[in-house]
C-alpha atoms as a PDB file:
ATOM      1  CA  MET A   1     -24.263  -2.624  78.996  1.00  0.00           C
ATOM      2  CA  ALA A   2     -27.864  -1.745  78.234  1.00  0.00           C
ATOM      3  CA  SER A   3     -27.025  -1.916  74.548  1.00  0.00           C
ATOM      4  CA  ASN A   4     -25.783  -5.489  74.977  1.00  0.00           C
ATOM      5  CA  LYS A   5     -29.022  -6.517  76.686  1.00  0.00           C
ATOM      6  CA  GLN A   6     -31.076  -4.863  73.945  1.00  0.00           C
ATOM      7  CA  ASP A   7     -29.012  -6.595  71.249  1.00  0.00           C
ATOM      8  CA  LYS A   8     -29.466  -9.937  72.970  1.00  0.00           C
ATOM      9  CA  LYS A   9     -33.230  -9.421  73.305  1.00  0.00           C
ATOM     10  CA  LYS A  10     -33.415  -8.396  69.647  1.00  0.00           C
ATOM     11  CA  ARG A  11     -31.486 -11.505  68.525  1.00  0.00           C
ATOM     12  CA  GLU A  12     -33.701 -13.748  70.655  1.00  0.00           C
ATOM     13  CA  ARG A  13     -36.840 -12.126  69.252  1.00  0.00           C
ATOM     14  CA  GLU A  14     -35.563 -12.497  65.664  1.00  0.00           C
ATOM     15  CA  LYS A  15     -34.819 -16.152  66.350  1.00  0.00           C
ATOM     16  CA  ARG A  16     -38.329 -16.745  67.780  1.00  0.00           C
ATOM     17  CA  VAL A  17     -39.946 -15.008  64.794  1.00  0.00           C
ATOM     18  CA  ALA A  18     -37.863 -17.037  62.329  1.00  0.00           C
ATOM     19  CA  GLN A  19     -38.726 -20.288  64.116  1.00  0.00           C
ATOM     20  CA  LYS A  20     -42.419 -19.388  64.135  1.00  0.00           C
ATOM     21  CA  LYS A  21     -42.333 -18.642  60.397  1.00  0.00           C
ATOM     22  CA  ALA A  22     -40.577 -21.935  59.695  1.00  0.00           C
ATOM     23  CA  LEU A  23     -43.063 -23.861  61.838  1.00  0.00           C
ATOM     24  CA  ASP A  24     -45.982 -22.108  60.129  1.00  0.00           C
ATOM     25  CA  ALA A  25     -44.547 -23.003  56.716  1.00  0.00           C
ATOM     26  CA  GLN A  26     -44.079 -26.601  57.834  1.00  0.00           C
ATOM     27  CA  ARG A  27     -47.651 -26.771  59.160  1.00  0.00           C
ATOM     28  CA  LEU A  28     -49.045 -25.368  55.913  1.00  0.00           C
ATOM     29  CA  ALA A  29     -46.997 -27.855  53.905  1.00  0.00           C
ATOM     30  CA  GLN A  30     -48.291 -30.730  56.029  1.00  0.00           C
ATOM     31  CA  GLU A  31     -51.867 -29.523  55.576  1.00  0.00           C
ATOM     32  CA  ALA A  32     -51.283 -29.324  51.825  1.00  0.00           C
ATOM     33  CA  ALA A  33     -49.885 -32.867  51.873  1.00  0.00           C
ATOM     34  CA  ALA A  34     -52.946 -34.092  53.789  1.00  0.00           C
ATOM     35  CA  ASN A  35     -55.283 -32.322  51.351  1.00  0.00           C
ATOM     36  CA  ALA A  36     -53.396 -33.770  48.396  1.00  0.00           C
ATOM     37  CA  ALA A  37     -53.622 -37.258  49.883  1.00  0.00           C
ATOM     38  CA  ALA A  38     -57.350 -36.777  50.402  1.00  0.00           C
ATOM     39  CA  SER A  39     -57.814 -35.720  46.775  1.00  0.00           C
ATOM     40  CA  ASN A  40     -55.589 -38.635  45.682  1.00  0.00           C
ATOM     41  CA  ASN A  41     -53.538 -36.512  43.271  1.00  0.00           C
ATOM     42  CA  SER A  42     -49.942 -37.774  43.280  1.00  0.00           C
ATOM     43  CA  GLY A  43     -48.515 -34.635  41.615  1.00  0.00           C
ATOM     44  CA  LYS A  44     -49.868 -32.382  44.341  1.00  0.00           C
ATOM     45  CA  LEU A  45     -48.726 -34.785  47.033  1.00  0.00           C
ATOM     46  CA  PHE A  46     -45.160 -34.771  45.727  1.00  0.00           C
ATOM     47  CA  SER A  47     -45.138 -30.972  45.554  1.00  0.00           C
ATOM     48  CA  ALA A  48     -46.487 -30.662  49.094  1.00  0.00           C
ATOM     49  CA  SER A  49     -43.973 -33.145  50.517  1.00  0.00           C
ATOM     50  CA  LEU A  50     -41.169 -31.274  48.757  1.00  0.00           C
ATOM     51  CA  THR A  51     -42.361 -28.017  50.352  1.00  0.00           C
ATOM     52  CA  SER A  52     -42.468 -29.728  53.742  1.00  0.00           C
ATOM     53  CA  GLY A  53     -38.859 -30.832  53.257  1.00  0.00           C
ATOM     54  CA  VAL A  54     -37.839 -27.245  52.527  1.00  0.00           C
ATOM     55  CA  ALA A  55     -39.595 -26.050  55.688  1.00  0.00           C
ATOM     56  CA  ASN A  56     -37.752 -28.709  57.705  1.00  0.00           C
ATOM     57  CA  ALA A  57     -34.438 -27.646  56.163  1.00  0.00           C
ATOM     58  CA  ASN A  58     -35.127 -24.001  57.049  1.00  0.00           C
ATOM     59  CA  LEU A  59     -35.910 -24.985  60.628  1.00  0.00           C
ATOM     60  CA  GLY A  60     -32.473 -26.608  60.874  1.00  0.00           C
ATOM     61  CA  LYS A  61     -30.747 -23.558  59.416  1.00  0.00           C
ATOM     62  CA  ILE A  62     -32.061 -21.271  62.151  1.00  0.00           C
ATOM     63  CA  THR A  63     -30.009 -22.928  64.880  1.00  0.00           C
ATOM     64  CA  GLU A  64     -26.999 -23.252  62.562  1.00  0.00           C
ATOM     65  CA  THR A  65     -26.880 -19.527  61.782  1.00  0.00           C
ATOM     66  CA  GLU A  66     -27.456 -18.662  65.429  1.00  0.00           C
ATOM     67  CA  ILE A  67     -24.342 -20.621  66.407  1.00  0.00           C
ATOM     68  CA  VAL A  68     -22.162 -19.235  63.598  1.00  0.00           C
ATOM     69  CA  ARG A  69     -23.248 -15.598  63.963  1.00  0.00           C
ATOM     70  CA  PRO A  70     -20.404 -13.473  65.417  1.00  0.00           C
ATOM     71  CA  ARG A  71     -21.183 -11.629  68.619  1.00  0.00           C
ATOM     72  CA  PRO A  72     -20.940  -7.816  68.609  1.00  0.00           C
ATOM     73  CA  HIS A  73     -18.294  -6.320  70.893  1.00  0.00           C
END
């Protein structure tokens, strides 16, 4: 029983860490997009918005994998 609780806590912690990393990546991408807009360089802006899209996609994947992941018995 204790093992189950530890596993659950570990999964929840991993999920929080993954979400934090995804949010940090998204924030950095948004900052890069803002900086690119300020410097008025369209190439950098496109690259930054693409990175932001990837961060958003990763954020969606976290909940998807959490649902699909089989539970240990």
